[in-house]
Amino acid sequence: MNAVYSLLHITRSIPAYRYSIEDYLSVFSSLYGDETFMESQSFTKRLVLKELLKRIEGSDLEALLKEYKFF
């Protein structure tokens, strides 16, 4: 984006795009409908995700993922 602005001699600042993880998780939940993200994955991916979820057990991230029906 900086390159395009400099080629066109635009002196305005580039707008910052910032999204929170809640925005991304709400998109995931709307894409999968009633099915959770974990249910939509293959068996091997689910095994890896379960291992990762064990590591975040009890954290704020786990609570956030449960709120948005990630698993």
N, C-alpha and C. Protein backbone atom coordinates (compact mmCIF):
# COMPACT_ATOMS: atom_id res chain seq x y z
N MET A 1 0.82 -1.18 0.00
CA MET A 1 0.00 0.00 0.00
C MET A 1 0.87 1.25 0.00
N ASN A 2 1.95 1.23 0.75
CA ASN A 2 2.86 2.37 0.76
C ASN A 2 3.41 2.65 -0.63
N ALA A 3 3.71 1.59 -1.36
CA ALA A 3 4.27 1.75 -2.71
C ALA A 3 3.27 2.43 -3.64
N VAL A 4 2.02 2.07 -3.55
CA VAL A 4 0.99 2.68 -4.40
C VAL A 4 0.84 4.15 -4.06
N TYR A 5 0.82 4.48 -2.78
CA TYR A 5 0.69 5.87 -2.37
C TYR A 5 1.88 6.69 -2.85
N SER A 6 3.07 6.14 -2.75
CA SER A 6 4.25 6.91 -3.18
C SER A 6 4.30 7.05 -4.70
N LEU A 7 3.89 6.05 -5.46
CA LEU A 7 3.86 6.16 -6.92
C LEU A 7 2.85 7.19 -7.40
N LEU A 8 1.76 7.30 -6.70
CA LEU A 8 0.71 8.26 -7.08
C LEU A 8 0.89 9.61 -6.41
N HIS A 9 1.96 9.78 -5.65
CA HIS A 9 2.28 11.03 -4.94
C HIS A 9 1.13 11.47 -4.03
N ILE A 10 0.59 10.53 -3.31
CA ILE A 10 -0.47 10.82 -2.34
C ILE A 10 0.19 11.02 -0.99
N THR A 11 -0.14 12.12 -0.34
CA THR A 11 0.52 12.44 0.93
C THR A 11 -0.32 12.07 2.14
N ARG A 12 -1.51 11.56 1.92
CA ARG A 12 -2.34 11.17 3.06
C ARG A 12 -1.74 9.95 3.75
N SER A 13 -2.08 9.83 5.00
CA SER A 13 -1.61 8.64 5.73
C SER A 13 -2.48 7.44 5.37
N ILE A 14 -1.90 6.28 5.47
CA ILE A 14 -2.61 5.05 5.16
C ILE A 14 -3.44 4.66 6.37
N PRO A 15 -4.73 4.40 6.16
CA PRO A 15 -5.56 4.02 7.32
C PRO A 15 -5.12 2.69 7.90
N ALA A 16 -5.15 2.64 9.21
CA ALA A 16 -4.77 1.41 9.90
C ALA A 16 -5.98 0.49 10.01
N TYR A 17 -5.78 -0.76 9.68
CA TYR A 17 -6.84 -1.75 9.80
C TYR A 17 -6.53 -2.60 11.01
N ARG A 18 -7.39 -2.53 11.98
CA ARG A 18 -7.19 -3.32 13.20
C ARG A 18 -8.48 -4.03 13.54
N TYR A 19 -8.36 -5.30 13.67
CA TYR A 19 -9.51 -6.11 14.04
C TYR A 19 -9.14 -6.89 15.29
N SER A 20 -10.12 -7.09 16.11
CA SER A 20 -9.87 -7.87 17.31
C SER A 20 -10.14 -9.34 17.02
N ILE A 21 -9.69 -10.18 17.91
CA ILE A 21 -9.90 -11.61 17.72
C ILE A 21 -11.39 -11.95 17.78
N GLU A 22 -12.17 -11.13 18.47
CA GLU A 22 -13.61 -11.36 18.52
C GLU A 22 -14.23 -11.23 17.14
N ASP A 23 -13.72 -10.28 16.34
CA ASP A 23 -14.24 -10.11 14.98
C ASP A 23 -13.97 -11.36 14.14
N TYR A 24 -12.76 -11.88 14.23
CA TYR A 24 -12.42 -13.07 13.47
C TYR A 24 -13.22 -14.29 13.93
N LEU A 25 -13.39 -14.43 15.23
CA LEU A 25 -14.14 -15.58 15.75
C LEU A 25 -15.61 -15.50 15.39
N SER A 26 -16.17 -14.30 15.35
CA SER A 26 -17.58 -14.18 14.96
C SER A 26 -17.77 -14.54 13.49
N VAL A 27 -16.76 -14.24 12.66
CA VAL A 27 -16.82 -14.65 11.26
C VAL A 27 -16.77 -16.17 11.15
N PHE A 28 -15.88 -16.80 11.92
CA PHE A 28 -15.81 -18.26 11.92
C PHE A 28 -17.14 -18.87 12.32
N SER A 29 -17.74 -18.33 13.37
CA SER A 29 -18.99 -18.92 13.85
C SER A 29 -20.12 -18.74 12.83
N SER A 30 -20.13 -17.64 12.11
CA SER A 30 -21.16 -17.46 11.09
C SER A 30 -20.91 -18.34 9.87
N LEU A 31 -19.66 -18.65 9.58
CA LEU A 31 -19.36 -19.52 8.44
C LEU A 31 -19.77 -20.96 8.70
N TYR A 32 -19.57 -21.43 9.91
CA TYR A 32 -19.82 -22.83 10.22
C TYR A 32 -21.23 -23.09 10.73
N GLY A 33 -21.99 -22.06 11.02
CA GLY A 33 -23.37 -22.24 11.45
C GLY A 33 -23.44 -22.93 12.80
N ASP A 34 -24.24 -23.98 12.88
CA ASP A 34 -24.41 -24.71 14.14
C ASP A 34 -23.24 -25.63 14.43
N GLU A 35 -22.49 -25.98 13.41
CA GLU A 35 -21.35 -26.88 13.57
C GLU A 35 -20.17 -26.10 14.15
N THR A 36 -19.48 -26.68 15.11
CA THR A 36 -18.31 -26.01 15.66
C THR A 36 -17.13 -26.16 14.72
N PHE A 37 -16.14 -25.33 14.91
CA PHE A 37 -14.95 -25.38 14.07
C PHE A 37 -14.26 -26.73 14.18
N MET A 38 -14.20 -27.26 15.40
CA MET A 38 -13.54 -28.55 15.62
C MET A 38 -14.25 -29.68 14.86
N GLU A 39 -15.57 -29.65 14.83
CA GLU A 39 -16.32 -30.71 14.15
C GLU A 39 -16.11 -30.69 12.65
N SER A 40 -15.77 -29.54 12.10
CA SER A 40 -15.61 -29.43 10.66
C SER A 40 -14.22 -29.85 10.17
N GLN A 41 -13.30 -30.12 11.08
CA GLN A 41 -11.93 -30.47 10.70
C GLN A 41 -11.76 -31.98 10.54
N SER A 42 -10.70 -32.35 9.84
CA SER A 42 -10.40 -33.78 9.65
C SER A 42 -9.90 -34.38 10.97
N PHE A 43 -9.81 -35.69 11.00
CA PHE A 43 -9.43 -36.39 12.22
C PHE A 43 -8.04 -35.97 12.70
N THR A 44 -7.08 -35.90 11.80
CA THR A 44 -5.71 -35.55 12.21
C THR A 44 -5.63 -34.10 12.71
N LYS A 45 -6.36 -33.21 12.06
CA LYS A 45 -6.36 -31.82 12.53
C LYS A 45 -7.00 -31.71 13.90
N ARG A 46 -8.04 -32.50 14.12
CA ARG A 46 -8.68 -32.48 15.44
C ARG A 46 -7.75 -32.96 16.53
N LEU A 47 -6.93 -33.97 16.24
CA LEU A 47 -5.96 -34.46 17.22
C LEU A 47 -4.96 -33.37 17.58
N VAL A 48 -4.48 -32.66 16.58
CA VAL A 48 -3.52 -31.58 16.83
C VAL A 48 -4.18 -30.45 17.60
N LEU A 49 -5.40 -30.09 17.21
CA LEU A 49 -6.11 -29.02 17.91
C LEU A 49 -6.41 -29.38 19.36
N LYS A 50 -6.74 -30.64 19.62
CA LYS A 50 -7.00 -31.07 20.99
C LYS A 50 -5.76 -30.93 21.85
N GLU A 51 -4.61 -31.26 21.28
CA GLU A 51 -3.34 -31.12 22.01
C GLU A 51 -3.05 -29.64 22.30
N LEU A 52 -3.32 -28.79 21.34
CA LEU A 52 -3.12 -27.36 21.56
C LEU A 52 -4.09 -26.82 22.61
N LEU A 53 -5.31 -27.32 22.59
CA LEU A 53 -6.30 -26.86 23.56
C LEU A 53 -5.96 -27.28 24.98
N LYS A 54 -5.27 -28.40 25.12
CA LYS A 54 -4.82 -28.81 26.45
C LYS A 54 -3.85 -27.80 27.03
N ARG A 55 -3.06 -27.19 26.17
CA ARG A 55 -2.04 -26.23 26.62
C ARG A 55 -2.63 -24.89 27.05
N ILE A 56 -3.80 -24.54 26.52
CA ILE A 56 -4.41 -23.26 26.89
C ILE A 56 -5.53 -23.43 27.91
N GLU A 57 -5.67 -24.63 28.43
CA GLU A 57 -6.75 -24.93 29.38
C GLU A 57 -6.67 -24.00 30.59
N GLY A 58 -7.80 -23.39 30.93
CA GLY A 58 -7.88 -22.52 32.08
C GLY A 58 -7.49 -21.07 31.81
N SER A 59 -7.15 -20.75 30.58
CA SER A 59 -6.73 -19.38 30.27
C SER A 59 -7.90 -18.56 29.73
N ASP A 60 -7.67 -17.28 29.57
CA ASP A 60 -8.68 -16.40 29.00
C ASP A 60 -8.95 -16.75 27.54
N LEU A 61 -7.92 -17.21 26.86
CA LEU A 61 -8.09 -17.60 25.46
C LEU A 61 -9.06 -18.77 25.33
N GLU A 62 -8.99 -19.71 26.25
CA GLU A 62 -9.91 -20.84 26.23
C GLU A 62 -11.35 -20.35 26.43
N ALA A 63 -11.55 -19.43 27.34
CA ALA A 63 -12.89 -18.90 27.59
C ALA A 63 -13.42 -18.18 26.36
N LEU A 64 -12.56 -17.44 25.69
CA LEU A 64 -12.96 -16.72 24.49
C LEU A 64 -13.33 -17.68 23.36
N LEU A 65 -12.55 -18.74 23.20
CA LEU A 65 -12.85 -19.72 22.16
C LEU A 65 -14.13 -20.48 22.45
N LYS A 66 -14.42 -20.74 23.72
CA LYS A 66 -15.67 -21.40 24.08
C LYS A 66 -16.86 -20.48 23.83
N GLU A 67 -16.68 -19.20 24.10
CA GLU A 67 -17.75 -18.23 23.90
C GLU A 67 -18.19 -18.18 22.44
N TYR A 68 -17.23 -18.28 21.55
CA TYR A 68 -17.53 -18.22 20.12
C TYR A 68 -17.67 -19.60 19.48
N LYS A 69 -17.91 -20.62 20.29
CA LYS A 69 -18.19 -21.99 19.84
C LYS A 69 -17.10 -22.53 18.92
N PHE A 70 -15.86 -22.31 19.30
CA PHE A 70 -14.74 -22.83 18.52
C PHE A 70 -14.63 -24.34 18.67
N PHE A 71 -14.91 -24.81 19.89
CA PHE A 71 -14.85 -26.25 20.15
C PHE A 71 -15.95 -26.63 21.10
